């Protein structure tokens, strides 16, 4: 009797596990749909007219039109072309991301593969720089930019975005580079490879998924940043998020046009995410399973 009960329990265990896995999978799908639904609704609203977009409750079966996109690319809702802000955002995001990688990879190399003394204190210092709220440093940064005559300059945003994303990039890259086999580096050192050659030809190809994940996250943070761009820029260096806030005018909120603008501004991040999807998954899961 006891042995039969034991065998029955063993037979039921896989079935229970399958049910648990199915429930977790269903929960994951529901969470994914819940997060994706506002984005899908924004894209659908961007193809409606202003009258259909403003109905309450919203009309899902309303006729589709490109009027919101024509308004966005034509006058931008305020007589200003959207292309300069988009180019400014692209320039600041790409240049700052490249600078972050150039600085973060050697720093992470020194903290992981060739660890310096008291490297944990160094890592905590990097992390402590992210504990200060951005608004607390806004006034000092503004005064420095004003005294150096860098207000409304795209290069000021490049410097700020680089310094803001560098700590998290060093933390990420250190965890990635810690998984690089030491034997490969020792073999390269025996063959006479210098630091630059080791980083470029040995470390970079092995840690490419981690580098891609770090680059993508830095790009997203830079592209979506609004506070500093709103305060420190004006007509010349205004970015896409700043331009998007300018669509909310005293005349009211034109919902279809705002959704069209938000869809266009979100496309670079979505395209970058889909392009680096495989590398992103590999990079974020690197070292998670031994």
Protein backbone atom coordinates (compact mmCIF):
# COMPACT_ATOMS: atom_id res chain seq x y z
CA UNK A 1 0.00 0.00 0.00
CA UNK A 2 2.77 2.39 0.89
CA UNK A 3 4.75 1.55 -2.24
CA UNK A 4 1.68 2.02 -4.43
CA UNK A 5 0.96 5.39 -2.88
CA UNK A 6 4.58 6.34 -3.44
CA UNK A 7 4.42 5.39 -7.12
CA UNK A 8 1.13 7.25 -7.53
CA UNK A 9 2.69 10.37 -6.04
CA UNK A 10 5.62 10.08 -8.42
CA UNK A 11 3.21 9.77 -11.37
CA UNK A 12 1.23 12.80 -10.30
CA UNK A 13 4.26 15.02 -9.84
CA UNK A 14 4.92 15.70 -13.57
CA UNK A 15 1.24 16.50 -14.10
CA UNK A 16 1.29 19.02 -11.27
CA UNK A 17 4.48 20.49 -12.62
CA UNK A 18 2.94 20.84 -16.07
CA UNK A 19 -0.05 22.60 -14.59
CA UNK A 20 2.20 24.95 -12.63
CA UNK A 21 4.25 25.68 -15.75
CA UNK A 22 1.09 26.28 -17.74
CA UNK A 23 -0.25 28.67 -15.10
CA UNK A 24 3.04 30.57 -15.04
CA UNK A 25 3.08 30.73 -18.83
CA UNK A 26 -0.48 32.07 -18.89
CA UNK A 27 0.42 34.66 -16.26
CA UNK A 28 3.43 35.73 -18.32
CA UNK A 29 1.25 36.13 -21.42
CA UNK A 30 -1.29 38.19 -19.47
CA UNK A 31 1.44 40.46 -18.11
CA UNK A 32 2.91 40.88 -21.59
CA UNK A 33 -0.48 41.77 -23.06
CA UNK A 34 -1.14 44.21 -20.22
CA UNK A 35 2.14 46.00 -20.91
CA UNK A 36 1.68 45.93 -24.70
CA UNK A 37 -1.95 47.05 -24.76
CA UNK A 38 -1.28 50.78 -24.09
CA UNK A 39 1.34 50.82 -26.85
CA UNK A 40 -1.03 49.12 -29.30
CA UNK A 41 -3.77 51.56 -28.34
CA UNK A 42 -1.43 54.51 -28.94
CA UNK A 43 -0.54 53.23 -32.41
CA UNK A 44 -4.20 52.60 -33.27
CA UNK A 45 -5.22 56.07 -32.06
CA UNK A 46 -2.51 57.65 -34.20
CA UNK A 47 -4.38 56.43 -37.31
CA UNK A 48 -7.69 58.00 -36.26
CA UNK A 49 -9.02 61.48 -36.83
CA UNK A 50 -9.12 63.92 -33.94
CA UNK A 51 -12.89 63.55 -33.61
CA UNK A 52 -12.71 59.76 -33.44
CA UNK A 53 -9.75 59.83 -31.05
CA UNK A 54 -11.60 62.16 -28.67
CA UNK A 55 -14.77 60.06 -28.39
CA UNK A 56 -15.64 58.60 -25.01
CA UNK A 57 -15.65 55.64 -24.97
CA UNK A 58 -13.01 55.42 -27.74
CA UNK A 59 -14.12 54.04 -31.08
CA UNK A 60 -12.06 51.00 -32.06
CA UNK A 61 -13.74 50.52 -35.45
CA UNK A 62 -13.28 54.15 -36.55
CA UNK A 63 -11.91 54.69 -40.09
CA UNK A 64 -8.13 54.87 -40.36
CA UNK A 65 -6.28 57.88 -41.73
CA UNK A 66 -2.73 59.28 -41.95
CA UNK A 67 -3.86 62.79 -41.02
CA UNK A 68 -2.02 62.74 -37.67
CA UNK A 69 1.27 61.76 -39.30
CA UNK A 70 0.86 64.39 -42.01
CA UNK A 71 0.30 66.99 -39.31
CA UNK A 72 3.34 65.80 -37.38
CA UNK A 73 5.76 65.79 -40.29
CA UNK A 74 4.21 68.90 -41.84
CA UNK A 75 4.16 71.47 -39.07
CA UNK A 76 4.65 69.50 -35.89
CA UNK A 77 1.61 71.05 -34.31
CA UNK A 78 3.40 74.31 -33.53
CA UNK A 79 4.88 75.43 -36.82
CA UNK A 80 8.23 73.73 -36.01
CA UNK A 81 9.68 70.89 -38.05
CA UNK A 82 10.21 67.65 -36.09
CA UNK A 83 13.41 66.75 -37.94
CA UNK A 84 15.88 68.90 -35.95
CA UNK A 85 14.74 67.47 -32.58
CA UNK A 86 14.87 63.93 -33.95
CA UNK A 87 18.38 64.50 -35.30
CA UNK A 88 19.45 66.06 -31.99
CA UNK A 89 18.15 63.07 -30.04
CA UNK A 90 19.85 60.64 -32.42
CA UNK A 91 23.15 62.53 -32.23
CA UNK A 92 23.16 62.83 -28.45
CA UNK A 93 22.11 59.21 -27.93
CA UNK A 94 24.51 57.61 -30.40
CA UNK A 95 27.56 59.71 -29.49
CA UNK A 96 27.01 59.33 -25.74
CA UNK A 97 26.49 55.58 -26.12
CA UNK A 98 29.77 55.24 -28.02
CA UNK A 99 31.59 57.26 -25.37
CA UNK A 100 30.04 55.13 -22.63
CA UNK A 101 31.30 51.94 -24.28
CA UNK A 102 34.77 53.37 -24.85
CA UNK A 103 35.04 54.29 -21.16
CA UNK A 104 33.08 51.42 -19.59
CA UNK A 105 34.85 48.48 -21.24
CA UNK A 106 38.39 49.36 -20.02
CA UNK A 107 37.02 50.27 -16.58
CA UNK A 108 35.14 46.99 -16.32
CA UNK A 109 38.24 45.15 -17.54
CA UNK A 110 40.26 46.70 -14.71
CA UNK A 111 37.56 45.81 -12.16
CA UNK A 112 36.93 42.22 -13.25
CA UNK A 113 39.64 40.56 -15.32
CA UNK A 114 42.54 42.58 -13.88
CA UNK A 115 40.99 43.68 -10.58
CA UNK A 116 42.49 46.72 -8.91
CA UNK A 117 42.86 47.03 -5.16
CA UNK A 118 39.61 47.67 -3.27
CA UNK A 119 37.59 47.21 -6.43
CA UNK A 120 34.42 46.75 -4.39
CA UNK A 121 34.80 50.29 -3.02
CA UNK A 122 35.18 51.56 -6.57
CA UNK A 123 32.01 49.77 -7.63
CA UNK A 124 30.12 51.21 -4.67
CA UNK A 125 31.34 54.69 -5.62
CA UNK A 126 29.98 54.21 -9.13
CA UNK A 127 26.67 53.04 -7.72
CA UNK A 128 26.47 55.93 -5.24
CA UNK A 129 26.44 58.43 -8.10
CA UNK A 130 23.04 57.06 -9.12
CA UNK A 131 21.56 57.65 -5.66
CA UNK A 132 21.33 61.42 -6.16
CA UNK A 133 17.97 62.50 -7.65
CA UNK A 134 18.39 64.18 -11.01
CA UNK A 135 16.41 67.22 -9.96
CA UNK A 136 18.86 67.80 -7.07
CA UNK A 137 21.71 68.31 -9.52
CA UNK A 138 19.73 70.36 -12.01
CA UNK A 139 20.56 73.83 -10.63
CA UNK A 140 24.34 73.28 -10.31
CA UNK A 141 24.48 71.80 -13.81
CA UNK A 142 22.50 74.76 -15.14
CA UNK A 143 24.84 77.28 -13.51
CA UNK A 144 27.92 75.50 -14.84
CA UNK A 145 26.43 75.35 -18.33
CA UNK A 146 25.50 79.02 -18.15
CA UNK A 147 28.99 80.10 -17.05
CA UNK A 148 30.65 77.98 -19.72
CA UNK A 149 28.19 79.19 -22.39
CA UNK A 150 27.05 75.66 -23.20
CA UNK A 151 23.32 76.20 -22.75
CA UNK A 152 21.27 74.99 -25.70
CA UNK A 153 24.18 72.88 -26.95
CA UNK A 154 23.91 69.30 -28.07
CA UNK A 155 27.41 68.58 -26.75
CA UNK A 156 26.30 69.47 -23.25
CA UNK A 157 23.69 66.72 -23.50
CA UNK A 158 26.34 64.32 -24.80
CA UNK A 159 28.51 64.99 -21.74
CA UNK A 160 25.56 64.67 -19.36
CA UNK A 161 24.21 61.48 -20.91
CA UNK A 162 27.68 59.92 -20.88
CA UNK A 163 28.21 60.70 -17.21
CA UNK A 164 24.69 59.56 -16.30
CA UNK A 165 24.91 56.19 -18.08
CA UNK A 166 28.55 55.38 -17.32
CA UNK A 167 28.02 53.99 -13.77
CA UNK A 168 25.33 51.50 -14.77
CA UNK A 169 27.36 50.57 -17.87
CA UNK A 170 30.43 49.79 -15.75
CA UNK A 171 28.33 47.62 -13.43
CA UNK A 172 26.83 45.72 -16.35
CA UNK A 173 30.10 45.30 -18.22
CA UNK A 174 31.90 44.06 -15.13
CA UNK A 175 29.42 41.20 -14.73
CA UNK A 176 29.79 40.36 -18.41
CA UNK A 177 33.59 40.50 -18.51
CA UNK A 178 33.83 38.39 -15.36
CA UNK A 179 32.54 35.49 -17.50
CA UNK A 180 35.40 35.77 -20.03
CA UNK A 181 37.67 32.70 -19.66
CA UNK A 182 40.98 33.66 -18.09
CA UNK A 183 42.77 31.01 -20.17
CA UNK A 184 42.08 32.97 -23.37
CA UNK A 185 43.58 36.11 -21.89
CA UNK A 186 46.62 34.23 -20.64
CA UNK A 187 47.16 32.73 -24.09
CA UNK A 188 46.90 36.19 -25.67
CA UNK A 189 49.38 37.56 -23.13
CA UNK A 190 51.84 34.76 -23.91
CA UNK A 191 51.54 35.57 -27.62
CA UNK A 192 52.53 39.17 -26.85
CA UNK A 193 49.14 40.88 -27.21
CA UNK A 194 48.95 44.28 -25.57
CA UNK A 195 46.01 45.78 -23.69
CA UNK A 196 44.47 47.42 -26.76
CA UNK A 197 44.78 44.25 -28.83
CA UNK A 198 43.36 42.15 -26.01
CA UNK A 199 40.36 44.40 -25.61
CA UNK A 200 39.67 44.74 -29.33
CA UNK A 201 40.34 41.20 -30.56
CA UNK A 202 39.82 38.97 -27.53
CA UNK A 203 37.52 40.56 -24.98
CA UNK A 204 35.16 42.41 -27.32
CA UNK A 205 34.13 39.41 -29.49
CA UNK A 206 33.59 37.17 -26.46
CA UNK A 207 31.61 39.80 -24.53
CA UNK A 208 29.72 41.12 -27.56
CA UNK A 209 26.26 40.15 -26.20
CA UNK A 210 27.00 42.08 -23.02
CA UNK A 211 28.33 45.04 -24.98
CA UNK A 212 25.19 45.05 -27.14
CA UNK A 213 22.93 44.93 -24.07
CA UNK A 214 24.84 47.77 -22.41
CA UNK A 215 24.78 49.86 -25.57
CA UNK A 216 21.05 49.34 -26.04
CA UNK A 217 20.21 50.29 -22.45
CA UNK A 218 22.44 53.39 -22.64
CA UNK A 219 20.81 54.38 -25.92
CA UNK A 220 17.30 53.97 -24.47
CA UNK A 221 18.14 56.00 -21.36
CA UNK A 222 19.64 58.80 -23.47
CA UNK A 223 16.81 58.83 -26.01
CA UNK A 224 14.08 59.00 -23.34
CA UNK A 225 15.74 61.59 -21.08
CA UNK A 226 13.56 64.68 -20.66
CA UNK A 227 14.43 66.66 -17.52
CA UNK A 228 17.87 67.98 -18.46
CA UNK A 229 16.94 68.34 -22.12
CA UNK A 230 13.88 70.39 -21.17
CA UNK A 231 15.77 72.79 -18.89
CA UNK A 232 19.16 73.06 -20.61
CA UNK A 233 18.10 73.27 -24.26
CA UNK A 234 16.00 75.61 -26.32
CA UNK A 235 15.49 76.04 -30.04
CA UNK A 236 18.85 74.76 -31.28
CA UNK A 237 19.45 71.60 -29.22
CA UNK A 238 15.91 70.58 -28.32
CA UNK A 239 15.40 66.81 -28.38
CA UNK A 240 12.49 64.64 -29.46
CA UNK A 241 10.95 64.25 -25.96
CA UNK A 242 11.06 68.03 -25.53
CA UNK A 243 9.38 68.44 -28.89
CA UNK A 244 6.70 65.96 -27.86
CA UNK A 245 5.83 68.00 -24.76
CA UNK A 246 5.46 71.05 -26.99
CA UNK A 247 2.49 69.44 -28.72
CA UNK A 248 0.42 70.06 -25.59
CA UNK A 249 -0.67 73.63 -26.29
CA UNK A 250 -3.12 76.11 -24.81
CA UNK A 251 -5.52 75.20 -27.62
CA UNK A 252 -5.92 71.75 -26.16
CA UNK A 253 -4.58 68.24 -26.58
CA UNK A 254 -4.86 66.88 -30.11
CA UNK A 255 -4.80 63.22 -29.18
CA UNK A 256 -4.35 61.67 -32.62
CA UNK A 257 -1.46 63.98 -33.48
CA UNK A 258 0.22 63.38 -30.12
CA UNK A 259 -0.12 59.60 -30.55
CA UNK A 260 1.35 59.85 -34.06
CA UNK A 261 4.29 61.87 -32.74
CA UNK A 262 4.83 59.45 -29.84
CA UNK A 263 4.77 56.50 -32.24
CA UNK A 264 7.37 58.06 -34.52
CA UNK A 265 9.60 59.05 -31.60
CA UNK A 266 9.36 55.53 -30.16
CA UNK A 267 10.38 53.84 -33.42
CA UNK A 268 14.21 54.22 -33.07
CA UNK A 269 14.15 52.52 -29.67
CA UNK A 270 11.87 49.74 -30.94
CA UNK A 271 14.00 49.20 -34.04
CA UNK A 272 17.19 49.07 -31.96
CA UNK A 273 15.56 46.64 -29.55
CA UNK A 274 14.38 44.28 -32.29
CA UNK A 275 17.72 44.49 -34.11
CA UNK A 276 19.69 43.59 -30.97
CA UNK A 277 17.08 41.24 -29.51
CA UNK A 278 19.23 38.10 -29.62
CA UNK A 279 22.30 39.88 -28.27
CA UNK A 280 20.19 41.55 -25.58
CA UNK A 281 18.79 38.25 -24.31
CA UNK A 282 22.23 36.63 -24.34
CA UNK A 283 23.81 39.61 -22.62
CA UNK A 284 21.23 39.96 -19.87
CA UNK A 285 21.32 36.20 -19.19
CA UNK A 286 25.12 35.95 -19.31
CA UNK A 287 26.34 34.40 -16.09
CA UNK A 288 22.82 33.68 -14.82
CA UNK A 289 23.20 29.91 -15.27
CA UNK A 290 26.40 28.17 -14.31
